[in-house]
Amino acid sequence: MKCLSIIGLSIFLIVKSINAQQYIWTQKTSLPSSYRNYPSAFATDSFGYLGIGNSAGVMLKDFWKYDPHLNIWTQIADFAGAARFGAGSFAINGKGYVGMGWVTNTGNAVTDFYEYSPYINQWTLKANSSFPVYTMISFVIGTNGYIGTGYYPYTNIMKFYNVNTDTWTSNNPFFGTARQSAVGFSIGNHGYITTGSDGTSMMNDLWEYDPITDSWTQKSNFPGSSRYGAVGFVINNTGIVGTGGDGINFFTDFYSFNPANNQWDTVASLPFLGRRHGSGFSIGNKGYISCGLSAIGEMNDLWELSEVTSIAEATPLKPQVYFNQSAQVLHVSGLKNKPTTLTVTSMTGQIVLHQVCTKENMQLPLALAKGVYSYSLAGDEEQTSGKFEIVH
């Protein structure tokens, strides 16, 4: 399989709904490892962590650290348990926690659970969850990490892990329909679960969990299409939920939930391929989404969502060029429905493609060999250029 590295490409997209915060997407450095779906991710105050997952049917053990200030990934110690996908994950007090999930060589879900210490780059086996489940949700309230729903088979079981006592405790089961591939996030002292699938129907309901009363309360439904395999994270006490699929479509739309007024608003859609079973995390006041399964296969890209704080940040959408090596198709998106000339050139100066694009998004069959290619998009208003590399 060929792998793709995108060089020197920045994409921005702004959307603002009435009475809603304005957000901007920026493409960041792709994960320098296997394309994958069902990865697990968590974040500390300074770094994001992502690893394991499913790559074309191969279970993975690798884990990576993302530095948002340097925009680089660094490989850390491999996950200590068996390779797996669909594991639960969260971070508390500067340490990461990953466990459960589906392990191919056992043919079922597992119950082991591990702590990652970034200070010594080491994974440590912790208390067993006794909860064989995968594609579950997770969120954190205080020093407790919550895991629940998922495939057990389809379940509404909820448990929480206390990092101070290294113990698991069952709490009141999720009050909505049992499901897998839902989204979980927490804001303040409450946890939230939305979307997912029960194997027959897709969900769009939203439920709030109160740990004080150990009770669930239904809130305003997620406003997008019912779906499973979406991604969620939190920016400045606002829940952000988007992407996912319904068995036919791969979504790009995103929405924000404000618990103060129980209201959803539209957020800028991901300006690239829709996907399901990616993974998301938050660092400071920014959210991130990476990997997942799209209509053209598994992904390894990384996107950052942040709030727009000034007019200067409201940069218009710029075109994007992406080569899908497995399908041998060049994807061009973000055009303005005006004639734009696309030229792709090899490093020897050979023009391998010269075409006028007349649609906002285009897919162009193109067989390319290993190497670095430059491209330019020239229209009436501006010209955009960049490079991409096929490394295998």
Protein backbone atom coordinates (compact mmCIF):
# COMPACT_ATOMS: atom_id res chain seq x y z
CA MET A 1 0.00 0.00 0.00
CA LYS A 2 1.29 3.46 -0.86
CA CYS A 3 1.34 6.13 1.83
CA LEU A 4 0.77 9.84 1.43
CA SER A 5 2.53 12.74 3.05
CA ILE A 6 1.13 16.26 2.53
CA ILE A 7 3.71 19.03 2.57
CA GLY A 8 3.12 22.69 3.37
CA LEU A 9 -0.66 22.73 3.01
CA SER A 10 -2.96 24.82 5.24
CA ILE A 11 -6.73 24.74 4.85
CA PHE A 12 -9.19 27.01 6.64
CA LEU A 13 -12.97 27.07 6.75
CA ILE A 14 -15.21 29.48 8.63
CA VAL A 15 -18.92 29.03 9.36
CA LYS A 16 -21.03 31.16 11.66
CA SER A 17 -24.63 30.54 12.61
CA ILE A 18 -26.90 33.13 14.20
CA ASN A 19 -26.05 33.68 17.89
CA ALA A 20 -23.34 31.01 17.67
CA GLN A 21 -19.60 31.09 18.15
CA GLN A 22 -17.57 31.22 14.96
CA TYR A 23 -15.07 28.40 14.36
CA ILE A 24 -12.21 27.70 12.00
CA TRP A 25 -10.74 24.39 10.75
CA THR A 26 -7.01 24.11 10.06
CA GLN A 27 -5.30 21.07 8.62
CA LYS A 28 -2.32 19.86 10.67
CA THR A 29 0.42 17.30 10.20
CA SER A 30 -0.97 13.86 9.41
CA LEU A 31 -0.27 10.94 11.71
CA PRO A 32 3.03 9.52 10.36
CA SER A 33 1.89 5.93 10.65
CA SER A 34 -0.70 3.47 9.37
CA TYR A 35 -4.03 4.71 8.10
CA ARG A 36 -6.62 3.44 10.56
CA ASN A 37 -10.14 3.52 11.95
CA TYR A 38 -11.40 2.81 15.48
CA PRO A 39 -8.28 4.37 17.09
CA SER A 40 -8.26 5.49 20.73
CA ALA A 41 -7.23 8.97 21.83
CA PHE A 42 -6.84 11.11 24.93
CA ALA A 43 -5.21 14.43 25.77
CA THR A 44 -3.36 16.03 28.67
CA ASP A 45 -3.06 19.78 29.16
CA SER A 46 -0.26 20.03 26.57
CA PHE A 47 -0.37 17.02 24.24
CA GLY A 48 -2.74 14.75 22.38
CA TYR A 49 -2.23 10.99 22.19
CA LEU A 50 -3.60 8.59 19.58
CA GLY A 51 -2.96 4.96 18.79
CA ILE A 52 -4.04 1.35 18.30
CA GLY A 53 -6.99 0.74 15.96
CA ASN A 54 -7.74 -1.25 12.83
CA SER A 55 -5.72 -0.84 9.62
CA ALA A 56 -7.18 -2.87 6.75
CA GLY A 57 -8.04 -5.68 9.15
CA VAL A 58 -4.72 -5.57 11.00
CA MET A 59 -4.91 -4.69 14.68
CA LEU A 60 -2.34 -2.09 15.83
CA LYS A 61 -0.34 -1.50 19.02
CA ASP A 62 1.50 1.72 18.18
CA PHE A 63 0.81 5.00 20.03
CA TRP A 64 1.77 8.58 19.14
CA LYS A 65 2.01 11.96 20.88
CA TYR A 66 0.95 15.15 19.12
CA ASP A 67 2.53 18.49 20.07
CA PRO A 68 0.18 21.31 18.94
CA HIS A 69 2.81 24.00 19.40
CA LEU A 70 5.35 22.34 17.10
CA ASN A 71 2.72 20.57 14.97
CA ILE A 72 4.64 17.29 15.13
CA TRP A 73 3.94 13.68 16.08
CA THR A 74 6.36 11.59 18.15
CA GLN A 75 6.03 7.85 18.62
CA ILE A 76 5.80 6.73 22.26
CA ALA A 77 5.92 3.28 23.84
CA ASP A 78 3.63 0.74 22.18
CA PHE A 79 0.40 -0.05 23.98
CA ALA A 80 1.16 -2.73 26.60
CA GLY A 81 -1.88 -4.91 25.94
CA ALA A 82 -2.73 -6.93 22.86
CA ALA A 83 -3.31 -5.07 19.60
CA ARG A 84 -6.95 -4.02 19.36
CA PHE A 85 -9.55 -1.56 18.10
CA GLY A 86 -12.58 0.18 19.60
CA ALA A 87 -11.00 0.58 23.06
CA GLY A 88 -12.13 3.13 25.63
CA SER A 89 -9.78 5.98 26.55
CA PHE A 90 -9.55 9.10 28.70
CA ALA A 91 -7.01 11.19 30.65
CA ILE A 92 -6.98 12.22 34.32
CA ASN A 93 -4.28 14.14 36.22
CA GLY A 94 -1.84 14.13 33.33
CA LYS A 95 -2.02 10.37 32.68
CA GLY A 96 -3.81 8.42 29.98
CA TYR A 97 -6.04 5.38 30.43
CA VAL A 98 -6.89 2.86 27.69
CA GLY A 99 -8.67 -0.48 27.91
CA MET A 100 -11.25 -2.98 26.77
CA GLY A 101 -11.82 -3.16 22.99
CA TRP A 102 -11.82 -5.96 20.43
CA VAL A 103 -8.83 -8.27 20.07
CA THR A 104 -8.83 -10.39 16.92
CA ASN A 105 -6.77 -13.28 18.26
CA THR A 106 -9.31 -13.89 21.02
CA GLY A 107 -12.34 -13.37 18.81
CA ASN A 108 -14.09 -11.25 21.42
CA ALA A 109 -13.99 -8.11 23.52
CA VAL A 110 -11.49 -7.95 26.41
CA THR A 111 -11.50 -6.42 29.88
CA ASP A 112 -7.89 -5.38 30.58
CA PHE A 113 -7.11 -1.75 31.36
CA TYR A 114 -3.86 0.26 31.33
CA GLU A 115 -2.42 3.55 32.55
CA TYR A 116 0.09 5.53 30.51
CA SER A 117 2.56 7.82 32.28
CA PRO A 118 4.11 10.37 29.90
CA TYR A 119 6.74 11.16 32.53
CA ILE A 120 8.40 7.76 32.16
CA ASN A 121 6.84 6.75 28.81
CA GLN A 122 5.44 3.56 30.29
CA TRP A 123 2.17 1.61 30.33
CA THR A 124 1.07 -0.10 33.56
CA LEU A 125 -1.64 -2.73 33.95
CA LYS A 126 -4.42 -1.53 36.27
CA ALA A 127 -7.56 -3.07 37.77
CA ASN A 128 -9.54 -5.25 35.38
CA SER A 129 -12.88 -3.73 34.35
CA SER A 130 -14.76 -7.07 34.16
CA PHE A 131 -16.62 -5.41 31.29
CA PRO A 132 -15.86 -7.05 27.89
CA VAL A 133 -17.00 -4.33 25.52
CA TYR A 134 -15.84 -2.34 22.49
CA THR A 135 -16.93 0.79 20.58
CA MET A 136 -18.08 2.29 23.89
CA ILE A 137 -18.18 5.92 25.03
CA SER A 138 -15.94 7.50 27.64
CA PHE A 139 -15.88 10.77 29.55
CA VAL A 140 -14.30 12.17 32.72
CA ILE A 141 -15.90 13.82 35.73
CA GLY A 142 -13.44 14.79 38.47
CA THR A 143 -11.07 11.89 39.14
CA ASN A 144 -13.46 9.31 37.72
CA GLY A 145 -13.32 8.02 34.16
CA TYR A 146 -16.62 6.69 32.84
CA ILE A 147 -16.99 3.89 30.28
CA GLY A 148 -20.34 2.73 28.96
CA THR A 149 -22.66 1.55 26.21
CA GLY A 150 -20.89 -0.24 23.35
CA TYR A 151 -21.14 -3.78 22.02
CA TYR A 152 -21.45 -6.39 24.79
CA PRO A 153 -23.60 -7.13 22.69
CA TYR A 154 -25.50 -3.82 22.57
CA THR A 155 -25.52 -2.55 26.11
CA ASN A 156 -26.45 0.39 28.32
CA ILE A 157 -24.11 -0.70 31.15
CA MET A 158 -22.05 2.12 32.70
CA LYS A 159 -18.99 1.87 34.96
CA PHE A 160 -16.50 4.35 36.32
CA TYR A 161 -12.84 3.98 37.21
CA ASN A 162 -11.40 5.87 40.20
CA VAL A 163 -7.74 6.70 39.61
CA ASN A 164 -7.06 7.23 43.33
CA THR A 165 -8.26 3.79 44.42
CA ASP A 166 -7.66 1.81 41.21
CA THR A 167 -11.20 0.43 41.38
CA TRP A 168 -14.19 0.02 39.06
CA THR A 169 -17.74 0.74 40.22
CA SER A 170 -21.04 0.26 38.39
CA ASN A 171 -23.29 3.30 38.18
CA ASN A 172 -26.87 3.70 37.03
CA PRO A 173 -27.15 2.28 33.47
CA PHE A 174 -27.53 4.64 30.56
CA PHE A 175 -31.23 5.49 30.31
CA GLY A 176 -31.42 5.65 26.52
CA THR A 177 -31.55 2.73 24.08
CA ALA A 178 -28.61 0.32 24.34
CA ARG A 179 -26.15 1.16 21.56
CA GLN A 180 -22.60 1.14 20.27
CA SER A 181 -20.42 3.70 18.46
CA ALA A 182 -22.02 6.63 20.31
CA VAL A 183 -20.27 9.87 21.37
CA GLY A 184 -19.43 10.75 24.96
CA PHE A 185 -18.11 14.03 26.39
CA SER A 186 -18.23 15.91 29.67
CA ILE A 187 -18.77 19.56 30.56
CA GLY A 188 -18.28 20.67 34.14
CA ASN A 189 -19.76 18.07 36.48
CA HIS A 190 -21.96 16.36 33.90
CA GLY A 191 -21.43 13.72 31.24
CA TYR A 192 -23.22 13.48 27.89
CA ILE A 193 -24.02 10.68 25.44
CA THR A 194 -25.45 11.11 21.95
CA THR A 195 -25.85 9.34 18.58
CA GLY A 196 -24.89 5.67 18.04
CA SER A 197 -26.57 2.54 16.64
CA ASP A 198 -28.49 -0.40 18.11
CA GLY A 199 -27.89 -2.52 15.01
CA THR A 200 -31.26 -1.61 13.53
CA SER A 201 -31.63 2.14 13.97
CA MET A 202 -29.34 5.16 14.17
CA MET A 203 -29.74 7.52 17.11
CA ASN A 204 -29.80 11.30 17.56
CA ASP A 205 -30.97 11.60 21.18
CA LEU A 206 -28.83 13.36 23.83
CA TRP A 207 -28.66 12.40 27.51
CA GLU A 208 -27.03 14.16 30.46
CA TYR A 209 -25.58 12.24 33.41
CA ASP A 210 -25.44 13.74 36.93
CA PRO A 211 -22.97 11.85 39.16
CA ILE A 212 -24.37 13.43 42.33
CA THR A 213 -27.80 11.88 41.86
CA ASP A 214 -26.57 9.04 39.61
CA SER A 215 -29.36 9.91 37.17
CA TRP A 216 -29.92 10.56 33.47
CA THR A 217 -31.94 13.40 31.92
CA GLN A 218 -32.83 13.66 28.23
CA LYS A 219 -31.80 16.89 26.51
CA SER A 220 -32.32 18.43 23.06
CA ASN A 221 -31.72 15.97 20.25
CA PHE A 222 -28.58 16.18 18.15
CA PRO A 223 -29.74 18.26 15.13
CA GLY A 224 -27.87 16.41 12.39
CA SER A 225 -28.87 13.15 10.74
CA SER A 226 -28.99 10.14 13.03
CA ARG A 227 -25.63 8.39 12.87
CA TYR A 228 -22.98 6.21 14.47
CA GLY A 229 -19.20 6.42 14.66
CA ALA A 230 -19.17 10.21 15.15
CA VAL A 231 -16.48 12.14 17.05
CA GLY A 232 -16.92 14.46 20.02
CA PHE A 233 -14.75 16.84 22.03
CA VAL A 234 -15.13 19.98 24.13
CA ILE A 235 -14.02 23.56 23.43
CA ASN A 236 -14.56 26.17 26.16
CA ASN A 237 -17.40 24.30 27.89
CA THR A 238 -19.15 23.60 24.60
CA GLY A 239 -19.61 20.07 23.28
CA ILE A 240 -18.64 19.61 19.64
CA VAL A 241 -20.02 16.57 17.76
CA GLY A 242 -19.71 15.64 14.09
CA THR A 243 -18.73 13.27 11.26
CA GLY A 244 -19.94 9.66 11.51
CA GLY A 245 -21.98 7.56 9.10
CA ASP A 246 -25.34 5.88 8.58
CA GLY A 247 -24.26 2.81 6.61
CA ILE A 248 -24.50 4.68 3.31
CA ASN A 249 -23.23 8.22 3.87
CA PHE A 250 -20.07 9.53 5.50
CA PHE A 251 -20.80 12.86 7.17
CA THR A 252 -18.71 16.04 7.46
CA ASP A 253 -21.17 18.21 9.42
CA PHE A 254 -20.46 19.39 12.98
CA TYR A 255 -22.62 20.92 15.72
CA SER A 256 -22.01 22.56 19.10
CA PHE A 257 -24.02 21.96 22.26
CA ASN A 258 -24.34 24.58 24.99
CA PRO A 259 -25.57 22.98 28.24
CA ALA A 260 -26.43 26.39 29.71
CA ASN A 261 -29.37 26.81 27.34
CA ASN A 262 -29.76 23.20 26.11
CA GLN A 263 -29.21 24.40 22.55
CA TRP A 264 -27.37 23.07 19.50
CA ASP A 265 -25.82 25.32 16.83
CA THR A 266 -24.20 24.61 13.50
CA VAL A 267 -20.39 24.53 13.37
CA ALA A 268 -18.16 24.62 10.30
CA SER A 269 -18.23 21.26 8.50
CA LEU A 270 -14.98 19.37 8.21
CA PRO A 271 -13.56 20.69 4.90
CA PHE A 272 -12.47 17.28 3.70
CA LEU A 273 -13.70 13.71 3.41
CA GLY A 274 -16.55 12.58 5.63
CA ARG A 275 -15.76 9.63 7.87
CA ARG A 276 -16.87 7.40 10.69
CA HIS A 277 -14.96 5.84 13.60
CA GLY A 278 -12.25 8.46 13.72
CA SER A 279 -11.09 9.82 17.05
CA GLY A 280 -11.11 13.23 18.70
CA PHE A 281 -9.50 15.03 21.62
CA SER A 282 -9.16 18.55 23.05
CA ILE A 283 -6.04 20.48 24.01
CA GLY A 284 -6.73 23.78 25.72
CA ASN A 285 -9.41 25.61 23.74
CA LYS A 286 -8.94 23.63 20.53
CA GLY A 287 -10.39 20.35 19.32
CA TYR A 288 -8.87 17.75 17.01
CA ILE A 289 -10.10 14.93 14.79
CA SER A 290 -7.92 12.30 13.15
CA CYS A 291 -8.16 9.03 11.20
CA GLY A 292 -11.38 7.12 10.54
CA LEU A 293 -12.96 5.32 7.59
CA SER A 294 -14.11 7.37 4.57
CA ALA A 295 -15.67 6.46 1.24
CA ILE A 296 -12.18 6.03 -0.22
CA GLY A 297 -10.67 4.09 2.69
CA GLU A 298 -8.95 4.63 6.03
CA MET A 299 -7.43 8.00 6.90
CA ASN A 300 -4.46 9.38 8.84
CA ASP A 301 -5.08 13.14 8.51
CA LEU A 302 -5.38 15.57 11.43
CA TRP A 303 -7.62 18.64 11.66
CA GLU A 304 -7.81 21.32 14.34
CA LEU A 305 -10.98 23.26 15.22
CA SER A 306 -10.64 26.55 17.07
CA GLU A 307 -12.76 29.57 17.86
CA VAL A 308 -12.35 32.71 15.82
CA THR A 309 -11.40 35.53 18.16
CA SER A 310 -10.86 38.35 15.66
CA ILE A 311 -11.78 39.38 12.13
CA ALA A 312 -8.19 38.75 11.08
CA GLU A 313 -8.68 35.05 11.73
CA ALA A 314 -11.66 34.79 9.40
CA THR A 315 -9.66 33.39 6.51
CA PRO A 316 -11.68 32.19 3.52
CA LEU A 317 -11.70 28.59 2.42
CA LYS A 318 -8.65 27.68 0.34
CA PRO A 319 -8.64 24.79 -2.12
CA GLN A 320 -7.28 21.43 -1.08
CA VAL A 321 -5.52 18.82 -3.17
CA TYR A 322 -5.33 15.25 -1.86
CA PHE A 323 -4.11 12.13 -3.68
CA ASN A 324 -5.69 8.83 -2.62
CA GLN A 325 -2.92 6.36 -3.43
CA SER A 326 -4.98 3.19 -3.09
CA ALA A 327 -7.71 4.39 -5.47
CA GLN A 328 -5.30 6.34 -7.73
CA VAL A 329 -7.61 9.35 -7.60
CA LEU A 330 -6.70 13.01 -7.10
CA HIS A 331 -9.28 14.87 -4.99
CA VAL A 332 -9.65 18.63 -5.38
CA SER A 333 -12.03 20.48 -3.06
CA GLY A 334 -12.83 24.01 -1.92
CA LEU A 335 -13.03 25.55 -5.40
CA LYS A 336 -15.51 28.35 -6.08
CA ASN A 337 -17.46 26.87 -9.00
CA LYS A 338 -15.37 29.01 -11.32
CA PRO A 339 -12.89 27.73 -13.94
CA THR A 340 -9.64 26.92 -12.16
CA THR A 341 -6.63 25.37 -13.87
CA LEU A 342 -4.95 22.52 -12.01
CA THR A 343 -1.39 21.57 -12.95
CA VAL A 344 0.53 18.70 -11.33
CA THR A 345 4.26 18.42 -12.04
CA SER A 346 6.89 15.87 -11.06
CA MET A 347 10.22 16.95 -9.56
CA THR A 348 11.85 16.38 -12.96
CA GLY A 349 9.56 19.03 -14.43
CA GLN A 350 7.23 16.65 -16.26
CA ILE A 351 3.59 17.80 -16.30
CA VAL A 352 1.52 14.78 -15.28
CA LEU A 353 -1.84 16.58 -15.21
CA HIS A 354 -3.15 19.83 -16.68
CA GLN A 355 -6.90 20.31 -16.41
CA VAL A 356 -9.50 23.02 -16.00
CA CYS A 357 -11.71 22.34 -12.96
CA THR A 358 -15.25 23.70 -13.17
CA LYS A 359 -16.85 22.24 -10.05
CA GLU A 360 -16.40 22.94 -6.33
CA ASN A 361 -15.19 19.37 -5.74
CA MET A 362 -13.62 17.08 -8.31
CA GLN A 363 -12.20 13.54 -8.38
CA LEU A 364 -9.65 12.92 -11.12
CA PRO A 365 -8.23 9.45 -11.91
CA LEU A 366 -4.44 9.72 -11.96
CA ALA A 367 -1.78 6.98 -11.81
CA LEU A 368 1.38 8.26 -10.10
CA ALA A 369 4.66 6.60 -9.21
CA LYS A 370 6.65 7.08 -6.00
CA GLY A 371 8.03 10.59 -5.62
CA VAL A 372 7.32 14.24 -4.79
CA TYR A 373 4.89 16.22 -6.91
CA SER A 374 4.03 19.91 -6.95
CA TYR A 375 0.67 21.33 -7.91
CA SER A 376 -0.81 24.73 -8.67
CA LEU A 377 -4.40 25.94 -8.87
CA ALA A 378 -4.78 29.14 -10.88
CA GLY A 379 -8.06 31.05 -11.19
CA ASP A 380 -9.29 34.59 -11.78
CA GLU A 381 -8.84 35.68 -8.17
CA GLU A 382 -5.84 33.82 -6.75
CA GLN A 383 -3.33 31.04 -7.17
CA THR A 384 -2.67 28.24 -4.69
CA SER A 385 0.26 25.84 -4.79
CA GLY A 386 1.74 23.05 -2.71
CA LYS A 387 3.38 19.65 -2.79
CA PHE A 388 2.50 16.08 -1.91
CA GLU A 389 4.71 13.02 -1.65
CA ILE A 390 4.04 9.36 -2.37
CA VAL A 391 6.52 7.54 -0.17
CA HIS A 392 5.70 3.87 -0.91
